[in-house]
Each structure stands twice: as structure tokens, then as C-alpha cells.
Amino acid sequence: MWAIVFLLVSSGLRLFGSLLGSLLDGFIDNLAFYITNVVSILIGIGIVDYTNKTVKIEMVIDEYEANESYSS
């Protein structure tokens, strides 16, 4: 979840804002800035993809709660 927020959204917004600024001011050599943001976005996508493929969430019911529901 935090990888989405910090790597994807923030880098995407910075890249979008910089592109808008460059459109207004004319493109000046900001290639390193764009490459850094694109790499950050790709790393974020990689982390999210890896997490979605490897982390499994299982519902665990407390034994006490399970016994209460069956005895009622």
C-alpha cells in the first residue's frame, strides 16, 4: 500500500507537474529528472506486482470467537 502512495503516486504527480511546467516554460534539459521519476515509477510498479504475487491474506478466526458462534 505504501509503495503505491510514495513511489507511484508521488513520482507520477512530480513527473506530471514537471511536464506541465516544461510545456509552459519550454523544454530545458531536465532529462535526468524525468529519468529518475520514470525509474521510481517502474520500481513502485515492480514492488506492487511482486507483493500481489507473493503475499496471501487469509482470514483467521479466533478459536474463542468460533466456539461462541457455534454454541449460540
C-alpha atoms as a PDB file:
ATOM      1  CA  MET A   1       0.000   0.000   0.000  1.00  0.00           C
ATOM      2  CA  TRP A   2       2.712   2.489   0.955  1.00  0.00           C
ATOM      3  CA  ALA A   3       4.704   1.628  -2.166  1.00  0.00           C
ATOM      4  CA  ILE A   4       1.725   2.750  -4.216  1.00  0.00           C
ATOM      5  CA  VAL A   5       1.466   6.042  -2.365  1.00  0.00           C
ATOM      6  CA  PHE A   6       5.099   7.021  -2.154  1.00  0.00           C
ATOM      7  CA  LEU A   7       6.654   5.561  -5.279  1.00  0.00           C
ATOM      8  CA  LEU A   8       3.853   5.583  -7.790  1.00  0.00           C
ATOM      9  CA  VAL A   9       1.569   8.473  -6.919  1.00  0.00           C
ATOM     10  CA  SER A  10       4.190  10.950  -5.741  1.00  0.00           C
ATOM     11  CA  SER A  11       6.576  10.234  -8.613  1.00  0.00           C
ATOM     12  CA  GLY A  12       3.722  10.329 -11.089  1.00  0.00           C
ATOM     13  CA  LEU A  13       2.493  13.674  -9.794  1.00  0.00           C
ATOM     14  CA  ARG A  14       6.008  15.137  -9.807  1.00  0.00           C
ATOM     15  CA  LEU A  15       6.528  13.944 -13.367  1.00  0.00           C
ATOM     16  CA  PHE A  16       3.159  15.316 -14.478  1.00  0.00           C
ATOM     17  CA  GLY A  17       3.782  18.667 -12.770  1.00  0.00           C
ATOM     18  CA  SER A  18       7.239  18.950 -14.297  1.00  0.00           C
ATOM     19  CA  LEU A  19       5.877  18.147 -17.745  1.00  0.00           C
ATOM     20  CA  LEU A  20       3.252  20.867 -17.350  1.00  0.00           C
ATOM     21  CA  GLY A  21       5.915  23.335 -16.210  1.00  0.00           C
ATOM     22  CA  SER A  22       8.135  22.397 -19.120  1.00  0.00           C
ATOM     23  CA  LEU A  23       5.275  22.904 -21.557  1.00  0.00           C
ATOM     24  CA  LEU A  24       4.804  26.439 -20.243  1.00  0.00           C
ATOM     25  CA  ASP A  25       8.483  27.382 -19.989  1.00  0.00           C
ATOM     26  CA  GLY A  26       9.851  25.408 -22.907  1.00  0.00           C
ATOM     27  CA  PHE A  27      11.758  22.187 -22.537  1.00  0.00           C
ATOM     28  CA  ILE A  28      15.107  22.775 -20.874  1.00  0.00           C
ATOM     29  CA  ASP A  29      17.471  19.870 -20.243  1.00  0.00           C
ATOM     30  CA  ASN A  30      15.636  18.102 -17.421  1.00  0.00           C
ATOM     31  CA  LEU A  31      16.312  14.644 -18.773  1.00  0.00           C
ATOM     32  CA  ALA A  32      17.893  13.391 -15.530  1.00  0.00           C
ATOM     33  CA  PHE A  33      14.817  14.493 -13.565  1.00  0.00           C
ATOM     34  CA  TYR A  34      12.478  12.677 -15.963  1.00  0.00           C
ATOM     35  CA  ILE A  35      14.586   9.520 -15.952  1.00  0.00           C
ATOM     36  CA  THR A  36      14.703   9.491 -12.146  1.00  0.00           C
ATOM     37  CA  ASN A  37      10.928   9.796 -11.893  1.00  0.00           C
ATOM     38  CA  VAL A  38      10.280   7.149 -14.527  1.00  0.00           C
ATOM     39  CA  VAL A  39      12.664   4.753 -12.763  1.00  0.00           C
ATOM     40  CA  SER A  40      10.895   5.447  -9.429  1.00  0.00           C
ATOM     41  CA  ILE A  41       7.537   4.679 -11.031  1.00  0.00           C
ATOM     42  CA  LEU A  42       8.873   1.436 -12.518  1.00  0.00           C
ATOM     43  CA  ILE A  43      10.329   0.373  -9.158  1.00  0.00           C
ATOM     44  CA  GLY A  44       6.975   1.096  -7.500  1.00  0.00           C
ATOM     45  CA  ILE A  45       5.136  -0.975 -10.103  1.00  0.00           C
ATOM     46  CA  GLY A  46       7.634  -3.793  -9.562  1.00  0.00           C
ATOM     47  CA  ILE A  47       7.148  -3.739  -5.783  1.00  0.00           C
ATOM     48  CA  VAL A  48       3.357  -3.740  -6.076  1.00  0.00           C
ATOM     49  CA  ASP A  49       3.426  -6.556  -8.630  1.00  0.00           C
ATOM     50  CA  TYR A  50       5.803  -8.648  -6.501  1.00  0.00           C
ATOM     51  CA  THR A  51       3.685  -8.059  -3.399  1.00  0.00           C
ATOM     52  CA  ASN A  52       0.475  -9.019  -5.162  1.00  0.00           C
ATOM     53  CA  LYS A  53       2.045 -12.245  -6.425  1.00  0.00           C
ATOM     54  CA  THR A  54       3.696 -13.346  -3.183  1.00  0.00           C
ATOM     55  CA  VAL A  55       1.568 -12.141  -0.247  1.00  0.00           C
ATOM     56  CA  LYS A  56      -1.533 -14.160   0.562  1.00  0.00           C
ATOM     57  CA  ILE A  57      -4.067 -12.873   3.054  1.00  0.00           C
ATOM     58  CA  GLU A  58      -6.069 -15.493   4.903  1.00  0.00           C
ATOM     59  CA  MET A  59      -8.957 -14.838   7.229  1.00  0.00           C
ATOM     60  CA  VAL A  60      -8.190 -16.153  10.707  1.00  0.00           C
ATOM     61  CA  ILE A  61     -10.984 -16.595  13.192  1.00  0.00           C
ATOM     62  CA  ASP A  62     -10.080 -16.636  16.836  1.00  0.00           C
ATOM     63  CA  GLU A  63     -10.815 -20.038  18.366  1.00  0.00           C
ATOM     64  CA  TYR A  64     -12.856 -18.453  21.155  1.00  0.00           C
ATOM     65  CA  GLU A  65     -15.000 -16.498  18.677  1.00  0.00           C
ATOM     66  CA  ALA A  66     -15.512 -19.613  16.568  1.00  0.00           C
ATOM     67  CA  ASN A  67     -16.721 -21.599  19.597  1.00  0.00           C
ATOM     68  CA  GLU A  68     -19.071 -18.775  20.627  1.00  0.00           C
ATOM     69  CA  SER A  69     -20.703 -18.657  17.213  1.00  0.00           C
ATOM     70  CA  TYR A  70     -21.228 -22.432  17.163  1.00  0.00           C
ATOM     71  CA  SER A  71     -22.638 -22.624  20.689  1.00  0.00           C
ATOM     72  CA  SER A  72     -25.268 -19.935  20.076  1.00  0.00           C
END
